[in-house]
């Protein structure tokens, strides 16, 4: 997993192709940066409450939105969490959620830089 970039720039280029307006990409990144911490908090809360359906749904949402931005490692981590939820095995999830939080911080930093240059 360590060979994966924080952000696959091909995904960003693909988003840029959707609209020539730089504000479009900035707006997409802003929405992601506002929404994802809420999903991560929801994931952590669901883990604490052992609410598997909410946990699984939050992981799935993070996986999908992160994939759109080419956040390869974060997408993989969210997928792992989603699978832990689907298999009803949350014993490894606290470590996985911590890894997800750390990777999200890197993604957020990288996307913020991209947004400034968009």
N, C-alpha and C. Protein backbone atom coordinates (compact mmCIF):
# COMPACT_ATOMS: atom_id res chain seq x y z
N UNK A 1 0.82 -1.20 0.00
CA UNK A 1 0.00 0.00 0.00
C UNK A 1 0.87 1.26 0.00
N UNK A 2 2.09 1.17 0.47
CA UNK A 2 2.92 2.36 0.61
C UNK A 2 3.35 2.94 -0.74
N UNK A 3 3.21 2.17 -1.83
CA UNK A 3 3.58 2.68 -3.16
C UNK A 3 2.48 3.55 -3.75
N UNK A 4 1.30 3.53 -3.19
CA UNK A 4 0.19 4.31 -3.71
C UNK A 4 0.39 5.78 -3.38
N UNK A 5 0.11 6.64 -4.35
CA UNK A 5 0.19 8.07 -4.06
C UNK A 5 -0.97 8.48 -3.15
N UNK A 6 -0.79 9.59 -2.44
CA UNK A 6 -1.88 10.09 -1.62
C UNK A 6 -3.06 10.42 -2.51
N UNK A 7 -2.79 11.09 -3.63
CA UNK A 7 -3.82 11.44 -4.61
C UNK A 7 -3.31 11.03 -5.99
N UNK A 8 -4.11 10.29 -6.73
CA UNK A 8 -3.80 9.95 -8.11
C UNK A 8 -4.23 11.14 -8.96
N UNK A 9 -3.27 11.84 -9.51
CA UNK A 9 -3.58 13.07 -10.23
C UNK A 9 -4.41 12.83 -11.49
N UNK A 10 -4.43 11.60 -11.99
CA UNK A 10 -5.29 11.31 -13.14
C UNK A 10 -6.76 11.50 -12.77
N UNK A 11 -7.11 11.17 -11.55
CA UNK A 11 -8.49 11.38 -11.09
C UNK A 11 -8.81 12.87 -11.03
N UNK A 12 -7.86 13.66 -10.55
CA UNK A 12 -8.05 15.11 -10.49
C UNK A 12 -8.18 15.67 -11.91
N UNK A 13 -7.33 15.20 -12.81
CA UNK A 13 -7.42 15.64 -14.21
C UNK A 13 -8.78 15.28 -14.80
N UNK A 14 -9.29 14.11 -14.45
CA UNK A 14 -10.61 13.70 -14.91
C UNK A 14 -11.70 14.62 -14.40
N UNK A 15 -11.59 15.04 -13.15
CA UNK A 15 -12.56 15.99 -12.60
C UNK A 15 -12.45 17.35 -13.29
N UNK A 16 -11.23 17.74 -13.59
CA UNK A 16 -11.02 19.02 -14.30
C UNK A 16 -11.66 18.99 -15.68
N UNK A 17 -11.65 17.82 -16.31
CA UNK A 17 -12.23 17.69 -17.65
C UNK A 17 -13.75 17.82 -17.64
N UNK A 18 -14.37 17.62 -16.49
CA UNK A 18 -15.83 17.73 -16.40
C UNK A 18 -16.30 19.17 -16.61
N UNK A 19 -15.43 20.11 -16.24
CA UNK A 19 -15.79 21.52 -16.40
C UNK A 19 -14.52 22.35 -16.55
N UNK A 20 -14.50 23.24 -17.54
CA UNK A 20 -13.32 24.09 -17.70
C UNK A 20 -13.20 25.15 -16.60
N UNK A 21 -14.26 25.33 -15.84
CA UNK A 21 -14.29 26.33 -14.78
C UNK A 21 -13.53 25.81 -13.55
N UNK A 22 -12.45 26.48 -13.16
CA UNK A 22 -11.65 26.04 -12.01
C UNK A 22 -12.46 26.04 -10.72
N UNK A 23 -13.47 26.89 -10.66
CA UNK A 23 -14.32 26.93 -9.47
C UNK A 23 -15.05 25.61 -9.25
N UNK A 24 -15.32 24.89 -10.32
CA UNK A 24 -16.00 23.60 -10.22
C UNK A 24 -15.18 22.62 -9.39
N UNK A 25 -13.89 22.48 -9.73
CA UNK A 25 -13.02 21.57 -8.98
C UNK A 25 -12.87 22.05 -7.54
N UNK A 26 -12.69 23.35 -7.34
CA UNK A 26 -12.58 23.89 -5.97
C UNK A 26 -13.83 23.55 -5.16
N UNK A 27 -14.98 23.71 -5.77
CA UNK A 27 -16.24 23.44 -5.07
C UNK A 27 -16.36 21.96 -4.71
N UNK A 28 -15.98 21.08 -5.64
CA UNK A 28 -16.02 19.64 -5.34
C UNK A 28 -15.10 19.30 -4.17
N UNK A 29 -13.90 19.87 -4.18
CA UNK A 29 -12.95 19.60 -3.09
C UNK A 29 -13.48 20.14 -1.78
N UNK A 30 -14.04 21.35 -1.80
CA UNK A 30 -14.60 21.93 -0.57
C UNK A 30 -15.69 21.04 0.02
N UNK A 31 -16.57 20.54 -0.83
CA UNK A 31 -17.65 19.66 -0.36
C UNK A 31 -17.05 18.41 0.27
N UNK A 32 -16.06 17.82 -0.40
CA UNK A 32 -15.41 16.62 0.12
C UNK A 32 -14.74 16.89 1.47
N UNK A 33 -14.03 18.03 1.56
CA UNK A 33 -13.32 18.36 2.80
C UNK A 33 -14.27 18.70 3.94
N UNK A 34 -15.48 19.13 3.63
CA UNK A 34 -16.49 19.39 4.67
C UNK A 34 -17.21 18.11 5.08
N UNK A 35 -17.50 17.28 4.10
CA UNK A 35 -18.32 16.09 4.36
C UNK A 35 -17.54 14.94 4.98
N UNK A 36 -16.34 14.71 4.50
CA UNK A 36 -15.61 13.51 4.93
C UNK A 36 -15.31 13.48 6.43
N UNK A 37 -14.90 14.59 7.06
CA UNK A 37 -14.72 14.52 8.52
C UNK A 37 -16.02 14.14 9.26
N UNK A 38 -17.15 14.56 8.72
CA UNK A 38 -18.44 14.18 9.33
C UNK A 38 -18.66 12.68 9.18
N UNK A 39 -18.32 12.12 8.02
CA UNK A 39 -18.48 10.67 7.81
C UNK A 39 -17.51 9.90 8.72
N UNK A 40 -16.30 10.43 8.89
CA UNK A 40 -15.32 9.76 9.77
C UNK A 40 -15.82 9.79 11.21
N UNK A 41 -16.38 10.91 11.64
CA UNK A 41 -16.95 11.00 13.00
C UNK A 41 -18.11 10.02 13.15
N UNK A 42 -18.93 9.91 12.11
CA UNK A 42 -20.05 8.96 12.11
C UNK A 42 -19.53 7.53 12.21
N UNK A 43 -18.45 7.24 11.48
CA UNK A 43 -17.81 5.93 11.51
C UNK A 43 -17.32 5.61 12.91
N UNK A 44 -16.63 6.56 13.54
CA UNK A 44 -16.10 6.36 14.89
C UNK A 44 -17.23 6.18 15.91
N UNK A 45 -18.25 7.00 15.79
CA UNK A 45 -19.40 6.90 16.69
C UNK A 45 -20.09 5.55 16.54
N UNK A 46 -20.26 5.12 15.30
CA UNK A 46 -20.91 3.82 15.05
C UNK A 46 -20.05 2.68 15.59
N UNK A 47 -18.73 2.82 15.48
CA UNK A 47 -17.84 1.80 16.04
C UNK A 47 -17.99 1.75 17.55
N UNK A 48 -18.01 2.92 18.19
CA UNK A 48 -18.17 2.96 19.65
C UNK A 48 -19.49 2.34 20.09
N UNK A 49 -20.54 2.55 19.30
CA UNK A 49 -21.87 2.02 19.63
C UNK A 49 -22.11 0.62 19.08
N UNK A 50 -21.14 0.12 18.33
CA UNK A 50 -21.26 -1.18 17.66
C UNK A 50 -22.48 -1.21 16.74
N UNK A 51 -22.73 -0.09 16.08
CA UNK A 51 -23.84 0.04 15.13
C UNK A 51 -23.31 -0.32 13.74
N UNK A 52 -23.37 -1.60 13.43
CA UNK A 52 -22.75 -2.12 12.22
C UNK A 52 -23.35 -1.52 10.94
N UNK A 53 -24.68 -1.39 10.81
CA UNK A 53 -25.21 -0.80 9.57
C UNK A 53 -24.71 0.63 9.33
N UNK A 54 -24.69 1.46 10.35
CA UNK A 54 -24.21 2.84 10.20
C UNK A 54 -22.71 2.84 9.91
N UNK A 55 -21.96 1.99 10.60
CA UNK A 55 -20.52 1.86 10.39
C UNK A 55 -20.22 1.50 8.94
N UNK A 56 -20.92 0.49 8.45
CA UNK A 56 -20.70 0.01 7.08
C UNK A 56 -21.07 1.07 6.05
N UNK A 57 -22.18 1.74 6.28
CA UNK A 57 -22.64 2.79 5.35
C UNK A 57 -21.65 3.96 5.32
N UNK A 58 -21.16 4.37 6.49
CA UNK A 58 -20.19 5.48 6.55
C UNK A 58 -18.90 5.10 5.82
N UNK A 59 -18.43 3.88 6.04
CA UNK A 59 -17.21 3.42 5.36
C UNK A 59 -17.43 3.40 3.85
N UNK A 60 -18.59 2.94 3.42
CA UNK A 60 -18.92 2.88 1.99
C UNK A 60 -18.93 4.29 1.39
N UNK A 61 -19.52 5.24 2.09
CA UNK A 61 -19.59 6.62 1.61
C UNK A 61 -18.20 7.23 1.48
N UNK A 62 -17.35 7.01 2.48
CA UNK A 62 -15.97 7.51 2.44
C UNK A 62 -15.22 6.87 1.28
N UNK A 63 -15.43 5.59 1.09
CA UNK A 63 -14.77 4.87 0.00
C UNK A 63 -15.13 5.49 -1.35
N UNK A 64 -16.41 5.71 -1.57
CA UNK A 64 -16.86 6.24 -2.86
C UNK A 64 -16.37 7.65 -3.13
N UNK A 65 -16.53 8.52 -2.15
CA UNK A 65 -16.13 9.91 -2.37
C UNK A 65 -14.61 10.03 -2.49
N UNK A 66 -13.88 9.25 -1.74
CA UNK A 66 -12.41 9.29 -1.81
C UNK A 66 -11.92 8.76 -3.15
N UNK A 67 -12.60 7.77 -3.65
CA UNK A 67 -12.25 7.20 -4.95
C UNK A 67 -12.39 8.25 -6.06
N UNK A 68 -13.41 9.08 -5.97
CA UNK A 68 -13.63 10.13 -6.98
C UNK A 68 -12.44 11.07 -7.10
N UNK A 69 -11.71 11.25 -5.99
CA UNK A 69 -10.57 12.16 -5.98
C UNK A 69 -9.24 11.43 -6.15
N UNK A 70 -9.29 10.14 -6.37
CA UNK A 70 -8.06 9.39 -6.55
C UNK A 70 -7.27 9.20 -5.27
N UNK A 71 -7.97 9.25 -4.14
CA UNK A 71 -7.31 9.04 -2.84
C UNK A 71 -7.19 7.52 -2.64
N UNK A 72 -6.19 6.95 -3.29
CA UNK A 72 -6.04 5.51 -3.41
C UNK A 72 -5.95 4.79 -2.07
N UNK A 73 -5.04 5.22 -1.22
CA UNK A 73 -4.87 4.56 0.09
C UNK A 73 -6.12 4.72 0.95
N UNK A 74 -6.69 5.91 0.94
CA UNK A 74 -7.87 6.17 1.75
C UNK A 74 -9.04 5.31 1.27
N UNK A 75 -9.17 5.17 -0.04
CA UNK A 75 -10.22 4.33 -0.61
C UNK A 75 -10.05 2.89 -0.15
N UNK A 76 -8.81 2.40 -0.19
CA UNK A 76 -8.54 1.02 0.24
C UNK A 76 -8.85 0.83 1.73
N UNK A 77 -8.44 1.80 2.54
CA UNK A 77 -8.71 1.70 3.98
C UNK A 77 -10.23 1.71 4.25
N UNK A 78 -10.95 2.57 3.56
CA UNK A 78 -12.41 2.63 3.74
C UNK A 78 -13.05 1.33 3.27
N UNK A 79 -12.52 0.75 2.20
CA UNK A 79 -13.03 -0.53 1.71
C UNK A 79 -12.82 -1.63 2.76
N UNK A 80 -11.64 -1.64 3.36
CA UNK A 80 -11.35 -2.62 4.43
C UNK A 80 -12.36 -2.47 5.57
N UNK A 81 -12.63 -1.23 5.95
CA UNK A 81 -13.59 -0.98 7.04
C UNK A 81 -14.99 -1.42 6.63
N UNK A 82 -15.35 -1.15 5.40
CA UNK A 82 -16.67 -1.58 4.92
C UNK A 82 -16.78 -3.10 4.98
N UNK A 83 -15.73 -3.80 4.58
CA UNK A 83 -15.75 -5.26 4.62
C UNK A 83 -15.78 -5.78 6.06
N UNK A 84 -15.09 -5.09 6.97
CA UNK A 84 -15.16 -5.48 8.38
C UNK A 84 -16.59 -5.35 8.89
N UNK A 85 -17.26 -4.28 8.49
CA UNK A 85 -18.66 -4.10 8.88
C UNK A 85 -19.55 -5.17 8.28
N UNK A 86 -19.37 -5.44 7.00
CA UNK A 86 -20.22 -6.44 6.33
C UNK A 86 -20.02 -7.84 6.90
N UNK A 87 -18.80 -8.12 7.38
CA UNK A 87 -18.53 -9.44 7.95
C UNK A 87 -18.80 -9.46 9.46
N UNK A 88 -19.27 -8.33 9.98
CA UNK A 88 -19.63 -8.23 11.40
C UNK A 88 -18.42 -8.48 12.30
N UNK A 89 -17.25 -8.06 11.84
CA UNK A 89 -16.01 -8.25 12.60
C UNK A 89 -15.35 -6.90 12.81
N UNK A 90 -15.70 -6.23 13.88
CA UNK A 90 -15.18 -4.91 14.15
C UNK A 90 -13.97 -4.91 15.08
N UNK A 91 -13.45 -6.10 15.40
CA UNK A 91 -12.33 -6.17 16.34
C UNK A 91 -11.08 -5.45 15.82
N UNK A 92 -10.85 -5.46 14.51
CA UNK A 92 -9.68 -4.78 13.94
C UNK A 92 -9.99 -3.33 13.58
N UNK A 93 -11.24 -2.94 13.69
CA UNK A 93 -11.66 -1.64 13.20
C UNK A 93 -11.06 -0.45 13.92
N UNK A 94 -10.84 -0.49 15.25
CA UNK A 94 -10.23 0.69 15.88
C UNK A 94 -8.88 1.07 15.27
N UNK A 95 -8.05 0.07 14.96
CA UNK A 95 -6.75 0.34 14.33
C UNK A 95 -6.97 0.87 12.92
N UNK A 96 -7.90 0.26 12.20
CA UNK A 96 -8.19 0.68 10.83
C UNK A 96 -8.75 2.10 10.77
N UNK A 97 -9.60 2.46 11.72
CA UNK A 97 -10.15 3.82 11.77
C UNK A 97 -9.03 4.83 12.05
N UNK A 98 -8.10 4.47 12.92
CA UNK A 98 -6.97 5.35 13.21
C UNK A 98 -6.12 5.57 11.95
N UNK A 99 -5.89 4.49 11.19
CA UNK A 99 -5.14 4.60 9.93
C UNK A 99 -5.90 5.48 8.94
N UNK A 100 -7.22 5.30 8.89
CA UNK A 100 -8.06 6.09 8.01
C UNK A 100 -7.96 7.58 8.35
N UNK A 101 -8.01 7.88 9.64
CA UNK A 101 -7.88 9.28 10.10
C UNK A 101 -6.55 9.88 9.66
N UNK A 102 -5.47 9.14 9.84
CA UNK A 102 -4.14 9.62 9.46
C UNK A 102 -4.05 9.85 7.96
N UNK A 103 -4.58 8.92 7.20
CA UNK A 103 -4.52 9.05 5.74
C UNK A 103 -5.41 10.19 5.28
N UNK A 104 -6.56 10.37 5.92
CA UNK A 104 -7.43 11.49 5.54
C UNK A 104 -6.71 12.83 5.74
N UNK A 105 -5.93 12.94 6.81
CA UNK A 105 -5.19 14.19 7.05
C UNK A 105 -4.25 14.49 5.88
N UNK A 106 -3.59 13.47 5.37
CA UNK A 106 -2.69 13.66 4.22
C UNK A 106 -3.48 14.03 2.97
N UNK A 107 -4.60 13.35 2.76
CA UNK A 107 -5.45 13.63 1.60
C UNK A 107 -5.97 15.07 1.67
N UNK A 108 -6.45 15.47 2.85
CA UNK A 108 -7.00 16.82 3.01
C UNK A 108 -5.93 17.87 2.72
N UNK A 109 -4.71 17.63 3.20
CA UNK A 109 -3.61 18.56 2.96
C UNK A 109 -3.30 18.66 1.46
N UNK A 110 -3.25 17.52 0.80
CA UNK A 110 -2.95 17.50 -0.63
C UNK A 110 -4.06 18.15 -1.44
N UNK A 111 -5.31 17.83 -1.11
CA UNK A 111 -6.43 18.42 -1.84
C UNK A 111 -6.53 19.94 -1.61
N UNK A 112 -6.18 20.37 -0.42
CA UNK A 112 -6.19 21.81 -0.14
C UNK A 112 -5.17 22.53 -1.03
N UNK A 113 -4.01 21.91 -1.22
CA UNK A 113 -2.99 22.50 -2.10
C UNK A 113 -3.49 22.51 -3.56
N UNK A 114 -4.12 21.42 -3.96
CA UNK A 114 -4.67 21.35 -5.32
C UNK A 114 -5.75 22.43 -5.50
N UNK A 115 -6.58 22.59 -4.49
CA UNK A 115 -7.66 23.56 -4.55
C UNK A 115 -7.10 24.97 -4.71
N UNK A 116 -6.03 25.27 -4.00
CA UNK A 116 -5.42 26.61 -4.09
C UNK A 116 -4.85 26.87 -5.49
N UNK A 117 -4.38 25.79 -6.12
CA UNK A 117 -3.81 25.95 -7.45
C UNK A 117 -4.80 25.74 -8.58
N UNK A 118 -6.03 25.35 -8.22
CA UNK A 118 -7.05 25.09 -9.25
C UNK A 118 -7.38 26.38 -9.90
